[in-house]
């Protein structure tokens, strides 16, 4: 049995925002603030394959402390933006002092971006391209390129169990997907999708993620068994469901799911 645990469900700035005194940010500053959100990441744990971490943002060390973990077995990266790779320097330090070599899996075009920003990581980390797919225990993993609006591109991951047939997708950064890019999202058992705003007010050309209303509209076409929304900004109060259908929920830090 594989367990998924949300370790970060915030957008690129997290919640609360340093500069902001809105009701959501103010509430998030309390010790038990339900809307407190670290940068996006997902833990995938299995007794056979150990701990796989998806994306490694600048809150990684804090997330590891909250999870009670001292190390991970492998890392998957969706793209090279700082909110998804900023914690690599801290994992490098872990690998250095524990004398381990970290395994980082991502599409080939992401690797040069990481090397350009953090060229020293290769002394303690192996960067492995997964354009032809990856196997993690019972799961076959497929990565495909998705539109990320003004921010260029990202990748989504689809996991298919060779034992149970369960299918799930992690797609934290996307907007305006082509029909071809949407195809792997259709009729999966679980779809994890990034939506920073409930109804984003900004011009289309300035945007980089779907909003919640668009996710609801697309879900009717994609027909996932369950949809969890992540990459949430301070625009969203997860206590308010508004018009969410029963099968769509907001993810929160520490939410655990068995798949």
C-alpha atoms as a PDB file:
ATOM      1  CA  UNK A   1       0.000   0.000   0.000  1.00  0.00           C
ATOM      2  CA  UNK A   2       1.292   3.436  -0.954  1.00  0.00           C
ATOM      3  CA  UNK A   3       0.555   6.525   1.111  1.00  0.00           C
ATOM      4  CA  UNK A   4       0.499  10.038  -0.327  1.00  0.00           C
ATOM      5  CA  UNK A   5       1.022  12.884   2.154  1.00  0.00           C
ATOM      6  CA  UNK A   6       0.728  16.552   1.219  1.00  0.00           C
ATOM      7  CA  UNK A   7       3.723  18.371   2.705  1.00  0.00           C
ATOM      8  CA  UNK A   8       3.176  21.679   0.910  1.00  0.00           C
ATOM      9  CA  UNK A   9      -0.022  23.002  -0.651  1.00  0.00           C
ATOM     10  CA  UNK A  10       0.845  26.682  -1.135  1.00  0.00           C
ATOM     11  CA  UNK A  11       1.747  28.628  -4.239  1.00  0.00           C
ATOM     12  CA  UNK A  12       5.153  30.136  -5.020  1.00  0.00           C
ATOM     13  CA  UNK A  13       4.969  32.615  -2.102  1.00  0.00           C
ATOM     14  CA  UNK A  14       3.273  30.416   0.482  1.00  0.00           C
ATOM     15  CA  UNK A  15       0.664  31.511   3.034  1.00  0.00           C
ATOM     16  CA  UNK A  16       0.798  33.807   4.944  1.00  0.00           C
ATOM     17  CA  UNK A  17       2.392  36.388   2.663  1.00  0.00           C
ATOM     18  CA  UNK A  18       5.004  38.466   4.522  1.00  0.00           C
ATOM     19  CA  UNK A  19       3.436  41.750   3.396  1.00  0.00           C
ATOM     20  CA  UNK A  20      -0.231  40.816   3.763  1.00  0.00           C
ATOM     21  CA  UNK A  21      -2.790  41.330   6.533  1.00  0.00           C
ATOM     22  CA  UNK A  22      -5.806  39.872   4.757  1.00  0.00           C
ATOM     23  CA  UNK A  23      -8.097  37.638   6.781  1.00  0.00           C
ATOM     24  CA  UNK A  24      -6.579  34.432   5.417  1.00  0.00           C
ATOM     25  CA  UNK A  25      -2.978  35.520   6.039  1.00  0.00           C
ATOM     26  CA  UNK A  26      -3.826  36.835   9.509  1.00  0.00           C
ATOM     27  CA  UNK A  27      -5.513  33.558  10.414  1.00  0.00           C
ATOM     28  CA  UNK A  28      -2.629  31.550   8.966  1.00  0.00           C
ATOM     29  CA  UNK A  29      -0.205  33.266  11.363  1.00  0.00           C
ATOM     30  CA  UNK A  30      -1.814  31.594  14.368  1.00  0.00           C
ATOM     31  CA  UNK A  31      -0.119  28.339  15.491  1.00  0.00           C
ATOM     32  CA  UNK A  32      -3.109  26.275  14.362  1.00  0.00           C
ATOM     33  CA  UNK A  33      -3.900  28.340  11.268  1.00  0.00           C
ATOM     34  CA  UNK A  34      -5.656  25.960   8.901  1.00  0.00           C
ATOM     35  CA  UNK A  35      -4.721  28.079   5.890  1.00  0.00           C
ATOM     36  CA  UNK A  36      -0.983  28.109   6.663  1.00  0.00           C
ATOM     37  CA  UNK A  37       0.663  26.680   3.550  1.00  0.00           C
ATOM     38  CA  UNK A  38       4.252  25.853   2.610  1.00  0.00           C
ATOM     39  CA  UNK A  39       5.509  25.637  -0.963  1.00  0.00           C
ATOM     40  CA  UNK A  40       4.123  22.701  -2.995  1.00  0.00           C
ATOM     41  CA  UNK A  41       5.418  19.175  -2.401  1.00  0.00           C
ATOM     42  CA  UNK A  42       4.078  15.644  -2.042  1.00  0.00           C
ATOM     43  CA  UNK A  43       5.474  12.679  -0.113  1.00  0.00           C
ATOM     44  CA  UNK A  44       4.926   9.189  -1.546  1.00  0.00           C
ATOM     45  CA  UNK A  45       5.790   6.390   0.892  1.00  0.00           C
ATOM     46  CA  UNK A  46       5.766   2.635   0.506  1.00  0.00           C
ATOM     47  CA  UNK A  47       7.323  -0.122   2.644  1.00  0.00           C
ATOM     48  CA  UNK A  48       8.964  -1.664  -0.421  1.00  0.00           C
ATOM     49  CA  UNK A  49      10.311   1.452  -2.147  1.00  0.00           C
ATOM     50  CA  UNK A  50      10.783   3.849   0.776  1.00  0.00           C
ATOM     51  CA  UNK A  51      10.133   7.584   0.493  1.00  0.00           C
ATOM     52  CA  UNK A  52       9.736   9.388  -2.813  1.00  0.00           C
ATOM     53  CA  UNK A  53       9.439  13.179  -2.612  1.00  0.00           C
ATOM     54  CA  UNK A  54       7.830  15.161  -5.440  1.00  0.00           C
ATOM     55  CA  UNK A  55       9.266  18.689  -5.848  1.00  0.00           C
ATOM     56  CA  UNK A  56      11.728  20.222  -3.433  1.00  0.00           C
ATOM     57  CA  UNK A  57      10.960  23.879  -2.757  1.00  0.00           C
ATOM     58  CA  UNK A  58      12.597  26.297  -0.299  1.00  0.00           C
ATOM     59  CA  UNK A  59      10.484  24.951   2.590  1.00  0.00           C
ATOM     60  CA  UNK A  60      11.879  21.417   2.206  1.00  0.00           C
ATOM     61  CA  UNK A  61      13.844  21.286   5.471  1.00  0.00           C
ATOM     62  CA  UNK A  62      10.863  22.574   7.458  1.00  0.00           C
ATOM     63  CA  UNK A  63       8.620  20.023   5.747  1.00  0.00           C
ATOM     64  CA  UNK A  64      11.060  17.234   6.608  1.00  0.00           C
ATOM     65  CA  UNK A  65      11.097  18.290  10.254  1.00  0.00           C
ATOM     66  CA  UNK A  66       7.298  18.357  10.379  1.00  0.00           C
ATOM     67  CA  UNK A  67       7.233  14.905   8.756  1.00  0.00           C
ATOM     68  CA  UNK A  68       9.767  13.530  11.242  1.00  0.00           C
ATOM     69  CA  UNK A  69      12.073  12.432   8.417  1.00  0.00           C
ATOM     70  CA  UNK A  70      15.874  12.586   8.223  1.00  0.00           C
ATOM     71  CA  UNK A  71      16.214  11.575   4.608  1.00  0.00           C
ATOM     72  CA  UNK A  72      14.440  10.518   1.426  1.00  0.00           C
ATOM     73  CA  UNK A  73      15.158   7.781  -1.089  1.00  0.00           C
ATOM     74  CA  UNK A  74      14.525   9.664  -4.314  1.00  0.00           C
ATOM     75  CA  UNK A  75      13.149  12.921  -5.673  1.00  0.00           C
ATOM     76  CA  UNK A  76      10.924  13.691  -8.665  1.00  0.00           C
ATOM     77  CA  UNK A  77      10.879  17.218 -10.090  1.00  0.00           C
ATOM     78  CA  UNK A  78       8.112  18.705 -12.239  1.00  0.00           C
ATOM     79  CA  UNK A  79      10.134  21.703 -13.470  1.00  0.00           C
ATOM     80  CA  UNK A  80      12.961  24.063 -12.640  1.00  0.00           C
ATOM     81  CA  UNK A  81      11.203  26.998 -10.949  1.00  0.00           C
ATOM     82  CA  UNK A  82      12.556  28.044  -7.556  1.00  0.00           C
ATOM     83  CA  UNK A  83       9.417  27.131  -5.597  1.00  0.00           C
ATOM     84  CA  UNK A  84       9.932  23.552  -6.822  1.00  0.00           C
ATOM     85  CA  UNK A  85      13.745  23.220  -6.597  1.00  0.00           C
ATOM     86  CA  UNK A  86      14.902  25.748  -3.969  1.00  0.00           C
ATOM     87  CA  UNK A  87      15.361  23.019  -1.345  1.00  0.00           C
ATOM     88  CA  UNK A  88      17.851  21.042  -3.436  1.00  0.00           C
ATOM     89  CA  UNK A  89      20.735  22.847  -1.741  1.00  0.00           C
ATOM     90  CA  UNK A  90      19.521  21.541   1.628  1.00  0.00           C
ATOM     91  CA  UNK A  91      19.139  17.989   0.361  1.00  0.00           C
ATOM     92  CA  UNK A  92      22.651  18.313  -1.047  1.00  0.00           C
ATOM     93  CA  UNK A  93      23.839  19.102   2.469  1.00  0.00           C
ATOM     94  CA  UNK A  94      22.051  16.006   3.795  1.00  0.00           C
ATOM     95  CA  UNK A  95      23.713  13.855   1.131  1.00  0.00           C
ATOM     96  CA  UNK A  96      27.102  15.388   1.883  1.00  0.00           C
ATOM     97  CA  UNK A  97      27.048  14.781   5.628  1.00  0.00           C
ATOM     98  CA  UNK A  98      25.442  11.325   5.421  1.00  0.00           C
ATOM     99  CA  UNK A  99      27.786  10.338   2.569  1.00  0.00           C
ATOM    100  CA  UNK A 100      24.929   9.364   0.267  1.00  0.00           C
ATOM    101  CA  UNK A 101      24.335  10.111  -3.392  1.00  0.00           C
ATOM    102  CA  UNK A 102      20.896  11.561  -3.999  1.00  0.00           C
ATOM    103  CA  UNK A 103      18.774  10.383  -6.923  1.00  0.00           C
ATOM    104  CA  UNK A 104      16.868  13.126  -8.756  1.00  0.00           C
ATOM    105  CA  UNK A 105      14.453  12.098 -11.516  1.00  0.00           C
ATOM    106  CA  UNK A 106      13.025  14.601 -13.980  1.00  0.00           C
ATOM    107  CA  UNK A 107      12.552  15.189 -17.716  1.00  0.00           C
ATOM    108  CA  UNK A 108      15.794  15.747 -19.601  1.00  0.00           C
ATOM    109  CA  UNK A 109      15.140  19.401 -20.455  1.00  0.00           C
ATOM    110  CA  UNK A 110      14.800  20.288 -16.761  1.00  0.00           C
ATOM    111  CA  UNK A 111      18.278  19.022 -15.851  1.00  0.00           C
ATOM    112  CA  UNK A 112      20.338  21.805 -17.545  1.00  0.00           C
ATOM    113  CA  UNK A 113      18.215  24.460 -15.833  1.00  0.00           C
ATOM    114  CA  UNK A 114      19.044  22.999 -12.431  1.00  0.00           C
ATOM    115  CA  UNK A 115      22.738  22.619 -13.258  1.00  0.00           C
ATOM    116  CA  UNK A 116      22.888  26.246 -14.418  1.00  0.00           C
ATOM    117  CA  UNK A 117      21.488  27.461 -11.101  1.00  0.00           C
ATOM    118  CA  UNK A 118      23.210  24.998  -8.756  1.00  0.00           C
ATOM    119  CA  UNK A 119      26.247  23.589 -10.610  1.00  0.00           C
ATOM    120  CA  UNK A 120      27.805  21.988  -7.501  1.00  0.00           C
ATOM    121  CA  UNK A 121      24.889  19.607  -6.854  1.00  0.00           C
ATOM    122  CA  UNK A 122      26.264  16.936  -9.196  1.00  0.00           C
ATOM    123  CA  UNK A 123      29.034  16.088  -6.735  1.00  0.00           C
ATOM    124  CA  UNK A 124      26.431  14.512  -4.437  1.00  0.00           C
ATOM    125  CA  UNK A 125      23.391  13.992  -6.691  1.00  0.00           C
ATOM    126  CA  UNK A 126      22.684  11.951  -9.795  1.00  0.00           C
ATOM    127  CA  UNK A 127      20.239  13.617 -12.189  1.00  0.00           C
ATOM    128  CA  UNK A 128      18.362  10.980 -14.178  1.00  0.00           C
ATOM    129  CA  UNK A 129      16.148  11.736 -17.181  1.00  0.00           C
ATOM    130  CA  UNK A 130      12.754  10.002 -17.186  1.00  0.00           C
ATOM    131  CA  UNK A 131      11.510  10.871 -20.669  1.00  0.00           C
ATOM    132  CA  UNK A 132      11.112   7.148 -21.382  1.00  0.00           C
ATOM    133  CA  UNK A 133       9.299   6.529 -18.099  1.00  0.00           C
ATOM    134  CA  UNK A 134      10.212   5.294 -14.639  1.00  0.00           C
ATOM    135  CA  UNK A 135       9.317   2.361 -12.420  1.00  0.00           C
ATOM    136  CA  UNK A 136       8.918   2.771  -8.655  1.00  0.00           C
ATOM    137  CA  UNK A 137       7.804  -0.530  -7.158  1.00  0.00           C
ATOM    138  CA  UNK A 138       4.296  -1.271  -8.409  1.00  0.00           C
ATOM    139  CA  UNK A 139       4.024   2.134 -10.102  1.00  0.00           C
ATOM    140  CA  UNK A 140       4.911   3.021 -13.652  1.00  0.00           C
ATOM    141  CA  UNK A 141       5.537   6.758 -13.912  1.00  0.00           C
ATOM    142  CA  UNK A 142       5.026   8.819 -17.038  1.00  0.00           C
ATOM    143  CA  UNK A 143       5.970  12.502 -17.353  1.00  0.00           C
ATOM    144  CA  UNK A 144       4.577  14.808 -20.011  1.00  0.00           C
ATOM    145  CA  UNK A 145       5.064  18.480 -20.821  1.00  0.00           C
ATOM    146  CA  UNK A 146       2.197  20.869 -19.953  1.00  0.00           C
ATOM    147  CA  UNK A 147       1.599  24.570 -20.590  1.00  0.00           C
ATOM    148  CA  UNK A 148       2.464  26.816 -17.635  1.00  0.00           C
ATOM    149  CA  UNK A 149       1.159  30.088 -19.120  1.00  0.00           C
ATOM    150  CA  UNK A 150       3.430  33.112 -18.733  1.00  0.00           C
ATOM    151  CA  UNK A 151       5.900  30.911 -16.835  1.00  0.00           C
ATOM    152  CA  UNK A 152       6.629  28.689 -19.822  1.00  0.00           C
ATOM    153  CA  UNK A 153       6.321  24.975 -19.211  1.00  0.00           C
ATOM    154  CA  UNK A 154       6.066  22.388 -16.464  1.00  0.00           C
ATOM    155  CA  UNK A 155       5.558  18.623 -16.380  1.00  0.00           C
ATOM    156  CA  UNK A 156       2.821  16.462 -14.939  1.00  0.00           C
ATOM    157  CA  UNK A 157       3.314  12.919 -13.638  1.00  0.00           C
ATOM    158  CA  UNK A 158       0.922  10.016 -14.096  1.00  0.00           C
ATOM    159  CA  UNK A 159       1.248   6.945 -11.865  1.00  0.00           C
ATOM    160  CA  UNK A 160      -0.335   3.614 -12.882  1.00  0.00           C
ATOM    161  CA  UNK A 161      -0.326   0.644 -10.509  1.00  0.00           C
ATOM    162  CA  UNK A 162       0.554  -2.667 -12.112  1.00  0.00           C
ATOM    163  CA  UNK A 163      -1.072  -4.451  -9.166  1.00  0.00           C
ATOM    164  CA  UNK A 164      -4.363  -2.705  -8.401  1.00  0.00           C
ATOM    165  CA  UNK A 165      -4.880  -0.730 -11.616  1.00  0.00           C
ATOM    166  CA  UNK A 166      -5.214   2.502  -9.618  1.00  0.00           C
ATOM    167  CA  UNK A 167      -4.339   5.613 -11.659  1.00  0.00           C
ATOM    168  CA  UNK A 168      -3.401   9.023 -10.299  1.00  0.00           C
ATOM    169  CA  UNK A 169      -1.887  12.244 -11.628  1.00  0.00           C
ATOM    170  CA  UNK A 170       0.127  15.065 -10.057  1.00  0.00           C
ATOM    171  CA  UNK A 171      -0.152  18.290 -12.098  1.00  0.00           C
ATOM    172  CA  UNK A 172       0.648  21.301  -9.866  1.00  0.00           C
ATOM    173  CA  UNK A 173       1.399  23.969 -12.503  1.00  0.00           C
ATOM    174  CA  UNK A 174      -0.679  24.158 -15.680  1.00  0.00           C
ATOM    175  CA  UNK A 175      -3.122  26.228 -17.700  1.00  0.00           C
ATOM    176  CA  UNK A 176      -4.632  26.140 -21.198  1.00  0.00           C
ATOM    177  CA  UNK A 177      -3.729  22.501 -21.778  1.00  0.00           C
ATOM    178  CA  UNK A 178      -3.995  21.239 -25.337  1.00  0.00           C
ATOM    179  CA  UNK A 179      -6.235  18.265 -26.055  1.00  0.00           C
ATOM    180  CA  UNK A 180      -3.137  16.073 -26.226  1.00  0.00           C
ATOM    181  CA  UNK A 181      -1.883  17.345 -22.855  1.00  0.00           C
ATOM    182  CA  UNK A 182      -5.306  16.702 -21.302  1.00  0.00           C
ATOM    183  CA  UNK A 183      -5.541  13.097 -22.459  1.00  0.00           C
ATOM    184  CA  UNK A 184      -3.571  11.492 -19.549  1.00  0.00           C
ATOM    185  CA  UNK A 185      -5.836  13.330 -17.063  1.00  0.00           C
ATOM    186  CA  UNK A 186      -9.023  11.664 -18.221  1.00  0.00           C
ATOM    187  CA  UNK A 187     -10.871   9.203 -15.969  1.00  0.00           C
ATOM    188  CA  UNK A 188      -8.077   8.704 -13.447  1.00  0.00           C
ATOM    189  CA  UNK A 189      -8.928   7.636  -9.908  1.00  0.00           C
ATOM    190  CA  UNK A 190      -7.202  10.663  -8.361  1.00  0.00           C
ATOM    191  CA  UNK A 191      -6.198  13.971  -9.956  1.00  0.00           C
ATOM    192  CA  UNK A 192      -4.082  16.462  -7.995  1.00  0.00           C
ATOM    193  CA  UNK A 193      -4.261  19.822  -9.759  1.00  0.00           C
ATOM    194  CA  UNK A 194      -2.776  23.228  -8.993  1.00  0.00           C
ATOM    195  CA  UNK A 195      -5.216  26.172  -8.697  1.00  0.00           C
ATOM    196  CA  UNK A 196      -3.846  29.342  -7.083  1.00  0.00           C
ATOM    197  CA  UNK A 197      -7.067  31.410  -7.063  1.00  0.00           C
ATOM    198  CA  UNK A 198     -10.785  30.687  -6.821  1.00  0.00           C
ATOM    199  CA  UNK A 199     -11.572  33.089  -9.680  1.00  0.00           C
ATOM    200  CA  UNK A 200      -8.410  34.712 -10.984  1.00  0.00           C
ATOM    201  CA  UNK A 201      -9.022  38.370 -11.908  1.00  0.00           C
ATOM    202  CA  UNK A 202      -5.888  38.970 -13.957  1.00  0.00           C
ATOM    203  CA  UNK A 203      -5.427  39.096 -17.731  1.00  0.00           C
ATOM    204  CA  UNK A 204      -5.068  35.685 -19.364  1.00  0.00           C
ATOM    205  CA  UNK A 205      -1.631  36.466 -20.755  1.00  0.00           C
ATOM    206  CA  UNK A 206      -0.327  37.175 -17.239  1.00  0.00           C
ATOM    207  CA  UNK A 207      -1.572  33.920 -15.721  1.00  0.00           C
ATOM    208  CA  UNK A 208       0.205  30.606 -15.129  1.00  0.00           C
ATOM    209  CA  UNK A 209      -2.348  28.255 -13.475  1.00  0.00           C
ATOM    210  CA  UNK A 210      -5.991  27.319 -13.799  1.00  0.00           C
ATOM    211  CA  UNK A 211      -8.302  28.776 -11.162  1.00  0.00           C
ATOM    212  CA  UNK A 212     -10.813  26.756  -9.148  1.00  0.00           C
ATOM    213  CA  UNK A 213     -13.801  27.623 -11.332  1.00  0.00           C
ATOM    214  CA  UNK A 214     -11.896  26.429 -14.404  1.00  0.00           C
ATOM    215  CA  UNK A 215     -10.860  23.237 -12.601  1.00  0.00           C
ATOM    216  CA  UNK A 216     -14.509  22.496 -11.826  1.00  0.00           C
ATOM    217  CA  UNK A 217     -15.432  23.050 -15.466  1.00  0.00           C
ATOM    218  CA  UNK A 218     -12.631  20.816 -16.773  1.00  0.00           C
ATOM    219  CA  UNK A 219     -13.295  18.117 -14.176  1.00  0.00           C
ATOM    220  CA  UNK A 220     -16.726  17.602 -15.680  1.00  0.00           C
ATOM    221  CA  UNK A 221     -14.934  16.662 -18.899  1.00  0.00           C
ATOM    222  CA  UNK A 222     -11.962  14.793 -17.412  1.00  0.00           C
ATOM    223  CA  UNK A 223     -14.163  12.790 -14.992  1.00  0.00           C
ATOM    224  CA  UNK A 224     -11.639  11.930 -12.234  1.00  0.00           C
ATOM    225  CA  UNK A 225     -12.871   9.750  -9.384  1.00  0.00           C
ATOM    226  CA  UNK A 226     -11.514  12.333  -6.955  1.00  0.00           C
ATOM    227  CA  UNK A 227      -9.810  15.702  -7.439  1.00  0.00           C
ATOM    228  CA  UNK A 228      -7.622  17.457  -4.867  1.00  0.00           C
ATOM    229  CA  UNK A 229      -6.594  21.081  -5.409  1.00  0.00           C
ATOM    230  CA  UNK A 230      -3.131  22.276  -4.377  1.00  0.00           C
ATOM    231  CA  UNK A 231      -0.751  25.216  -5.089  1.00  0.00           C
ATOM    232  CA  UNK A 232      -3.239  27.473  -3.262  1.00  0.00           C
ATOM    233  CA  UNK A 233      -2.643  31.194  -2.741  1.00  0.00           C
ATOM    234  CA  UNK A 234      -3.953  33.465   0.044  1.00  0.00           C
ATOM    235  CA  UNK A 235      -7.071  33.961  -2.082  1.00  0.00           C
ATOM    236  CA  UNK A 236      -8.454  30.601  -0.952  1.00  0.00           C
ATOM    237  CA  UNK A 237      -9.928  29.673   2.432  1.00  0.00           C
ATOM    238  CA  UNK A 238     -10.086  25.879   2.488  1.00  0.00           C
ATOM    239  CA  UNK A 239     -12.959  26.004   5.007  1.00  0.00           C
ATOM    240  CA  UNK A 240     -15.238  27.424   2.290  1.00  0.00           C
ATOM    241  CA  UNK A 241     -16.306  24.875  -0.305  1.00  0.00           C
ATOM    242  CA  UNK A 242     -18.402  27.338  -2.319  1.00  0.00           C
ATOM    243  CA  UNK A 243     -19.477  25.497  -5.466  1.00  0.00           C
ATOM    244  CA  UNK A 244     -17.109  22.531  -5.217  1.00  0.00           C
ATOM    245  CA  UNK A 245     -18.720  19.246  -6.283  1.00  0.00           C
ATOM    246  CA  UNK A 246     -18.505  16.426  -3.722  1.00  0.00           C
ATOM    247  CA  UNK A 247     -15.581  14.733  -5.482  1.00  0.00           C
ATOM    248  CA  UNK A 248     -13.412  17.897  -5.457  1.00  0.00           C
ATOM    249  CA  UNK A 249     -11.616  19.063  -2.289  1.00  0.00           C
ATOM    250  CA  UNK A 250      -8.873  21.436  -1.239  1.00  0.00           C
ATOM    251  CA  UNK A 251      -5.731  19.668  -0.095  1.00  0.00           C
ATOM    252  CA  UNK A 252      -4.121  20.715   3.183  1.00  0.00           C
ATOM    253  CA  UNK A 253      -0.770  20.136   4.859  1.00  0.00           C
ATOM    254  CA  UNK A 254      -0.578  16.658   6.347  1.00  0.00           C
ATOM    255  CA  UNK A 255      -3.508  15.254   4.361  1.00  0.00           C
ATOM    256  CA  UNK A 256      -2.768  11.534   3.861  1.00  0.00           C
ATOM    257  CA  UNK A 257      -4.317   9.258   1.232  1.00  0.00           C
ATOM    258  CA  UNK A 258      -3.794   5.540   0.633  1.00  0.00           C
ATOM    259  CA  UNK A 259      -3.657   4.603  -3.056  1.00  0.00           C
END
